[in-house]
């Protein structure tokens, strides 16, 4: 499994880096770098339904979005190197403390490590494993995760190739993410819940509305309505976009919050299309909801 790091093609960048000797486009080598492992109570209600999701935040990213709220770990790679054995122990520790699930955040570039860790402890986990990603995934990598992942929690960030090229240098984003999401839904199947309305299996698609781009959001909603089913997909329309100081003047349109009109127009359109899922309060667009990356639990 770790030979995949010798000429890495785990993500759509297919950078081909030998991550045993250097780093890939994601910024990471062959060893896991993690920044936090702790409870997170602000995921969707079916993900954080009791004590909170047992989130493990991985450092590095294949997208490097210009507005990333987790920029400290996605771009600057704050975190600590850990072994696969240590990662497996973290999974068990989160479960023992009462986590609702194991929530793997930005995990793509460490899939071989995660599979190795889960091989050691999956038989001891009685809570679901969540793959919480930016949606920019290869179907081949998703296929590798069959039997390991119970819940997929992908973003669909952009519809327009021009927008995804500008903000994430990924003109193929939607073409790639849409195929990946279909692969996810086919792999885990219908939504399934426990007695506390906690999700045990299925797919939740996230979309964060960006300032000045509500029409792009609506195109995504239309695609979801036409290509997925109520039986296996929920949709979370996010209102938490925060214009951080590090955003370059090159992206002046992103230096403000999303307006009530912009957000509500997307939510209302999704409702017209019959989409089921979640919305967010305006108060979620705040820096206080950004996790503190202080190596907790690592």
Protein backbone atom coordinates (compact mmCIF):
# COMPACT_ATOMS: atom_id res chain seq x y z
CA UNK A 1 0.00 0.00 0.00
CA UNK A 2 2.78 2.45 0.90
CA UNK A 3 4.34 1.94 -2.55
CA UNK A 4 1.63 4.33 -3.74
CA UNK A 5 3.75 7.08 -2.20
CA UNK A 6 6.71 6.35 -4.50
CA UNK A 7 5.04 7.99 -7.48
CA UNK A 8 1.99 9.57 -5.97
CA UNK A 9 -1.27 9.67 -7.91
CA UNK A 10 -3.66 9.55 -4.95
CA UNK A 11 -5.39 12.82 -5.88
CA UNK A 12 -6.39 14.42 -9.21
CA UNK A 13 -3.17 16.45 -9.30
CA UNK A 14 -1.33 13.19 -10.07
CA UNK A 15 1.91 14.99 -9.23
CA UNK A 16 3.96 11.79 -9.37
CA UNK A 17 6.19 12.87 -6.48
CA UNK A 18 8.22 10.30 -4.59
CA UNK A 19 6.77 11.19 -1.21
CA UNK A 20 9.15 8.82 0.57
CA UNK A 21 11.94 11.27 -0.31
CA UNK A 22 10.19 14.63 -0.74
CA UNK A 23 6.67 16.08 -0.71
CA UNK A 24 3.81 16.10 -3.16
CA UNK A 25 1.56 18.90 -4.40
CA UNK A 26 -0.31 18.43 -1.11
CA UNK A 27 2.83 19.49 0.80
CA UNK A 28 3.13 16.17 2.62
CA UNK A 29 5.60 13.31 2.60
CA UNK A 30 4.81 9.68 3.36
CA UNK A 31 4.17 10.07 7.10
CA UNK A 32 0.91 11.35 8.51
CA UNK A 33 0.93 14.93 9.78
CA UNK A 34 -2.01 15.69 12.06
CA UNK A 35 -2.93 18.94 13.80
CA UNK A 36 -5.78 17.99 16.10
CA UNK A 37 -7.78 14.95 17.26
CA UNK A 38 -10.75 15.87 19.42
CA UNK A 39 -14.51 16.21 19.60
CA UNK A 40 -16.18 18.62 17.21
CA UNK A 41 -19.78 19.51 18.02
CA UNK A 42 -20.47 21.71 15.01
CA UNK A 43 -20.72 19.19 12.19
CA UNK A 44 -24.15 18.50 10.67
CA UNK A 45 -26.77 17.34 13.25
CA UNK A 46 -26.65 13.74 12.03
CA UNK A 47 -22.83 13.69 12.29
CA UNK A 48 -22.44 15.49 15.65
CA UNK A 49 -25.63 14.32 17.28
CA UNK A 50 -24.60 13.46 20.84
CA UNK A 51 -21.05 14.02 22.14
CA UNK A 52 -19.57 15.28 18.88
CA UNK A 53 -17.65 13.89 15.93
CA UNK A 54 -14.23 12.46 16.73
CA UNK A 55 -12.35 14.64 14.26
CA UNK A 56 -8.81 13.99 13.13
CA UNK A 57 -7.49 17.00 11.19
CA UNK A 58 -4.78 16.06 8.70
CA UNK A 59 -2.28 18.67 7.49
CA UNK A 60 -1.70 19.36 3.81
CA UNK A 61 -4.25 19.49 0.99
CA UNK A 62 -4.59 18.81 -2.72
CA UNK A 63 -6.67 21.94 -3.36
CA UNK A 64 -5.04 24.90 -1.53
CA UNK A 65 -8.12 27.12 -1.95
CA UNK A 66 -7.24 30.81 -1.67
CA UNK A 67 -9.87 31.34 1.08
CA UNK A 68 -9.35 28.18 3.16
CA UNK A 69 -10.47 28.59 6.78
CA UNK A 70 -8.00 25.86 7.78
CA UNK A 71 -5.12 27.61 6.04
CA UNK A 72 -2.84 27.04 9.04
CA UNK A 73 -2.83 23.31 8.34
CA UNK A 74 -3.81 23.04 4.67
CA UNK A 75 -1.16 25.44 3.35
CA UNK A 76 1.27 25.99 6.23
CA UNK A 77 1.25 22.33 7.32
CA UNK A 78 1.13 22.99 11.04
CA UNK A 79 0.98 19.67 12.86
CA UNK A 80 2.98 16.73 14.17
CA UNK A 81 4.24 13.64 12.37
CA UNK A 82 2.69 10.46 13.72
CA UNK A 83 3.04 6.78 12.85
CA UNK A 84 0.22 4.65 11.52
CA UNK A 85 0.16 2.84 14.87
CA UNK A 86 -0.30 6.15 16.66
CA UNK A 87 -3.13 7.03 14.27
CA UNK A 88 -4.83 3.71 15.03
CA UNK A 89 -4.51 4.43 18.77
CA UNK A 90 -6.09 7.86 18.23
CA UNK A 91 -9.12 6.20 16.60
CA UNK A 92 -9.58 3.89 19.59
CA UNK A 93 -9.05 6.70 22.09
CA UNK A 94 -11.71 8.88 20.44
CA UNK A 95 -14.14 5.96 20.51
CA UNK A 96 -13.41 5.23 24.18
CA UNK A 97 -14.14 8.88 25.05
CA UNK A 98 -17.57 8.65 23.41
CA UNK A 99 -17.11 10.12 19.93
CA UNK A 100 -20.13 9.79 17.67
CA UNK A 101 -17.83 8.68 14.84
CA UNK A 102 -14.26 8.90 13.54
CA UNK A 103 -14.25 12.00 11.33
CA UNK A 104 -11.24 12.08 8.96
CA UNK A 105 -10.78 15.68 7.81
CA UNK A 106 -8.84 16.31 4.55
CA UNK A 107 -7.57 12.72 4.44
CA UNK A 108 -6.93 12.08 0.73
CA UNK A 109 -3.14 12.33 0.64
CA UNK A 110 -2.86 9.95 3.61
CA UNK A 111 -5.27 7.25 2.38
CA UNK A 112 -2.61 4.47 2.46
CA UNK A 113 -1.74 5.38 6.06
CA UNK A 114 -5.40 5.54 7.07
CA UNK A 115 -6.12 2.13 5.52
CA UNK A 116 -3.09 0.71 7.33
CA UNK A 117 -4.30 2.19 10.64
CA UNK A 118 -7.87 0.97 10.12
CA UNK A 119 -6.61 -2.52 9.26
CA UNK A 120 -5.23 -2.61 12.81
CA UNK A 121 -8.38 -1.48 14.62
CA UNK A 122 -11.47 -1.50 12.36
CA UNK A 123 -12.63 -4.75 13.97
CA UNK A 124 -12.70 -2.90 17.32
CA UNK A 125 -14.58 0.17 16.08
CA UNK A 126 -18.32 0.18 16.71
CA UNK A 127 -18.82 3.75 15.44
CA UNK A 128 -18.85 4.88 11.78
CA UNK A 129 -15.80 6.18 9.94
CA UNK A 130 -16.42 9.47 8.09
CA UNK A 131 -14.40 10.61 5.06
CA UNK A 132 -14.61 14.43 5.26
CA UNK A 133 -13.05 15.85 2.09
CA UNK A 134 -13.01 18.69 -0.42
CA UNK A 135 -14.64 16.56 -3.12
CA UNK A 136 -11.59 16.71 -5.39
CA UNK A 137 -11.05 12.96 -5.47
CA UNK A 138 -10.13 10.23 -7.91
CA UNK A 139 -12.65 7.41 -8.22
CA UNK A 140 -9.70 5.01 -8.02
CA UNK A 141 -8.87 6.33 -4.54
CA UNK A 142 -12.52 6.09 -3.48
CA UNK A 143 -12.54 2.47 -4.69
CA UNK A 144 -9.59 1.74 -2.37
CA UNK A 145 -11.71 2.83 0.60
CA UNK A 146 -14.52 0.33 0.09
CA UNK A 147 -15.23 -1.43 3.37
CA UNK A 148 -13.31 1.16 5.39
CA UNK A 149 -15.59 4.21 5.08
CA UNK A 150 -19.20 4.27 6.30
CA UNK A 151 -20.09 7.91 5.65
CA UNK A 152 -18.81 10.21 2.93
CA UNK A 153 -18.88 13.95 3.67
CA UNK A 154 -17.59 15.63 0.48
CA UNK A 155 -17.78 19.22 -0.63
CA UNK A 156 -18.94 20.23 -4.04
CA UNK A 157 -17.32 23.66 -4.07
CA UNK A 158 -17.63 24.91 -7.64
CA UNK A 159 -19.53 24.25 -10.86
CA UNK A 160 -17.71 26.67 -13.15
CA UNK A 161 -14.21 25.64 -14.33
CA UNK A 162 -13.27 29.32 -14.47
CA UNK A 163 -14.12 29.82 -10.81
CA UNK A 164 -12.39 26.64 -9.64
CA UNK A 165 -9.32 27.55 -11.71
CA UNK A 166 -9.19 31.01 -10.14
CA UNK A 167 -9.66 29.99 -6.50
CA UNK A 168 -8.14 26.50 -6.41
CA UNK A 169 -6.07 26.18 -9.61
CA UNK A 170 -8.29 23.24 -10.54
CA UNK A 171 -10.27 23.84 -13.74
CA UNK A 172 -11.30 20.17 -13.69
CA UNK A 173 -12.81 20.46 -10.21
CA UNK A 174 -16.50 19.89 -10.97
CA UNK A 175 -15.90 17.25 -13.61
CA UNK A 176 -13.74 15.35 -11.13
CA UNK A 177 -15.78 15.96 -7.96
CA UNK A 178 -19.10 15.04 -9.57
CA UNK A 179 -17.73 11.65 -10.64
CA UNK A 180 -16.23 11.08 -7.19
CA UNK A 181 -19.48 11.89 -5.40
CA UNK A 182 -21.41 9.44 -7.57
CA UNK A 183 -18.80 6.78 -6.76
CA UNK A 184 -19.19 7.56 -3.04
CA UNK A 185 -22.98 7.23 -3.10
CA UNK A 186 -22.79 3.97 -5.03
CA UNK A 187 -20.23 2.56 -2.60
CA UNK A 188 -22.00 3.25 0.71
CA UNK A 189 -25.59 3.13 -0.53
CA UNK A 190 -28.70 4.33 1.27
CA UNK A 191 -28.78 6.61 4.31
CA UNK A 192 -29.02 4.65 7.54
CA UNK A 193 -29.48 5.98 11.10
CA UNK A 194 -29.28 4.77 14.68
CA UNK A 195 -31.99 5.28 17.28
CA UNK A 196 -30.60 8.74 18.14
CA UNK A 197 -30.88 10.00 14.54
CA UNK A 198 -27.14 9.67 14.12
CA UNK A 199 -26.02 8.76 10.62
CA UNK A 200 -24.48 5.29 10.35
CA UNK A 201 -24.11 5.10 6.59
CA UNK A 202 -24.59 7.29 3.53
CA UNK A 203 -23.41 10.51 1.90
CA UNK A 204 -23.79 14.15 2.95
CA UNK A 205 -22.79 16.66 0.27
CA UNK A 206 -21.61 20.04 1.54
CA UNK A 207 -21.64 23.27 -0.40
CA UNK A 208 -20.46 26.61 0.99
CA UNK A 209 -22.01 29.62 -0.71
CA UNK A 210 -19.35 32.13 -1.77
CA UNK A 211 -19.88 35.88 -2.12
CA UNK A 212 -20.77 36.93 -5.67
CA UNK A 213 -21.29 33.33 -6.83
CA UNK A 214 -24.85 32.35 -5.94
CA UNK A 215 -25.64 31.38 -9.53
CA UNK A 216 -22.76 28.91 -9.50
CA UNK A 217 -24.22 27.46 -6.28
CA UNK A 218 -27.61 27.08 -7.94
CA UNK A 219 -26.07 25.08 -10.80
CA UNK A 220 -24.60 22.73 -8.23
CA UNK A 221 -28.00 22.32 -6.57
CA UNK A 222 -29.55 21.52 -9.94
CA UNK A 223 -26.90 18.88 -10.64
CA UNK A 224 -27.46 17.30 -7.21
CA UNK A 225 -31.22 17.18 -7.74
CA UNK A 226 -30.82 15.56 -11.15
CA UNK A 227 -28.09 13.07 -10.28
CA UNK A 228 -28.66 11.87 -6.71
CA UNK A 229 -31.47 10.37 -4.67
CA UNK A 230 -33.16 11.32 -1.40
CA UNK A 231 -32.48 7.75 -0.30
CA UNK A 232 -28.69 8.10 -0.28
CA UNK A 233 -27.84 11.82 -0.13
CA UNK A 234 -28.38 14.75 2.21
CA UNK A 235 -27.20 18.25 1.28
CA UNK A 236 -25.69 20.77 3.68
CA UNK A 237 -25.81 24.36 2.37
CA UNK A 238 -23.21 26.25 4.36
CA UNK A 239 -23.32 29.92 5.35
CA UNK A 240 -19.98 30.04 7.15
CA UNK A 241 -17.78 31.75 4.57
CA UNK A 242 -15.41 34.05 6.49
CA UNK A 243 -13.24 36.66 4.70
CA UNK A 244 -9.91 36.17 6.46
CA UNK A 245 -7.19 38.83 6.34
CA UNK A 246 -4.81 36.57 4.40
CA UNK A 247 -7.04 36.61 1.30
CA UNK A 248 -5.18 38.43 -1.45
CA UNK A 249 -6.46 41.65 -3.03
CA UNK A 250 -6.46 39.65 -6.26
CA UNK A 251 -9.69 38.11 -4.95
CA UNK A 252 -11.39 41.34 -3.89
CA UNK A 253 -14.85 39.82 -4.43
CA UNK A 254 -14.11 37.37 -1.59
CA UNK A 255 -13.26 40.06 0.94
CA UNK A 256 -16.79 40.28 2.30
CA UNK A 257 -19.35 37.97 3.86
CA UNK A 258 -22.17 36.33 1.96
CA UNK A 259 -25.33 38.43 2.04
CA UNK A 260 -28.65 37.18 3.34
CA UNK A 261 -30.07 37.49 -0.18
CA UNK A 262 -27.27 35.41 -1.70
CA UNK A 263 -27.57 32.61 0.82
CA UNK A 264 -31.37 32.51 0.92
CA UNK A 265 -31.63 32.47 -2.88
CA UNK A 266 -29.56 29.26 -2.95
CA UNK A 267 -31.52 27.69 -0.08
CA UNK A 268 -34.86 28.59 -1.66
CA UNK A 269 -33.79 27.18 -5.02
CA UNK A 270 -32.68 23.94 -3.37
CA UNK A 271 -36.07 23.71 -1.66
CA UNK A 272 -37.84 24.22 -5.01
CA UNK A 273 -35.80 21.32 -6.38
CA UNK A 274 -36.90 19.11 -3.48
CA UNK A 275 -33.42 18.74 -1.98
CA UNK A 276 -33.28 17.44 1.60
CA UNK A 277 -30.66 18.45 4.14
CA UNK A 278 -29.38 21.25 6.33
CA UNK A 279 -28.92 25.01 6.37
CA UNK A 280 -26.82 27.25 8.64
CA UNK A 281 -27.43 30.35 10.70
CA UNK A 282 -25.66 33.55 9.65
CA UNK A 283 -23.78 33.44 12.98
CA UNK A 284 -21.79 30.44 11.70
CA UNK A 285 -19.74 32.87 9.56
CA UNK A 286 -17.34 33.63 12.37
CA UNK A 287 -13.72 32.89 13.19
CA UNK A 288 -14.79 31.42 16.53
CA UNK A 289 -16.13 28.38 14.67
CA UNK A 290 -12.73 27.66 13.13
CA UNK A 291 -11.02 24.86 15.10
CA UNK A 292 -7.96 25.76 17.15
CA UNK A 293 -5.07 23.71 15.85
CA UNK A 294 -3.06 23.16 19.01
CA UNK A 295 -2.14 19.47 18.62
CA UNK A 296 -4.95 18.46 21.00
CA UNK A 297 -5.13 14.68 21.17
CA UNK A 298 -2.11 14.17 18.91
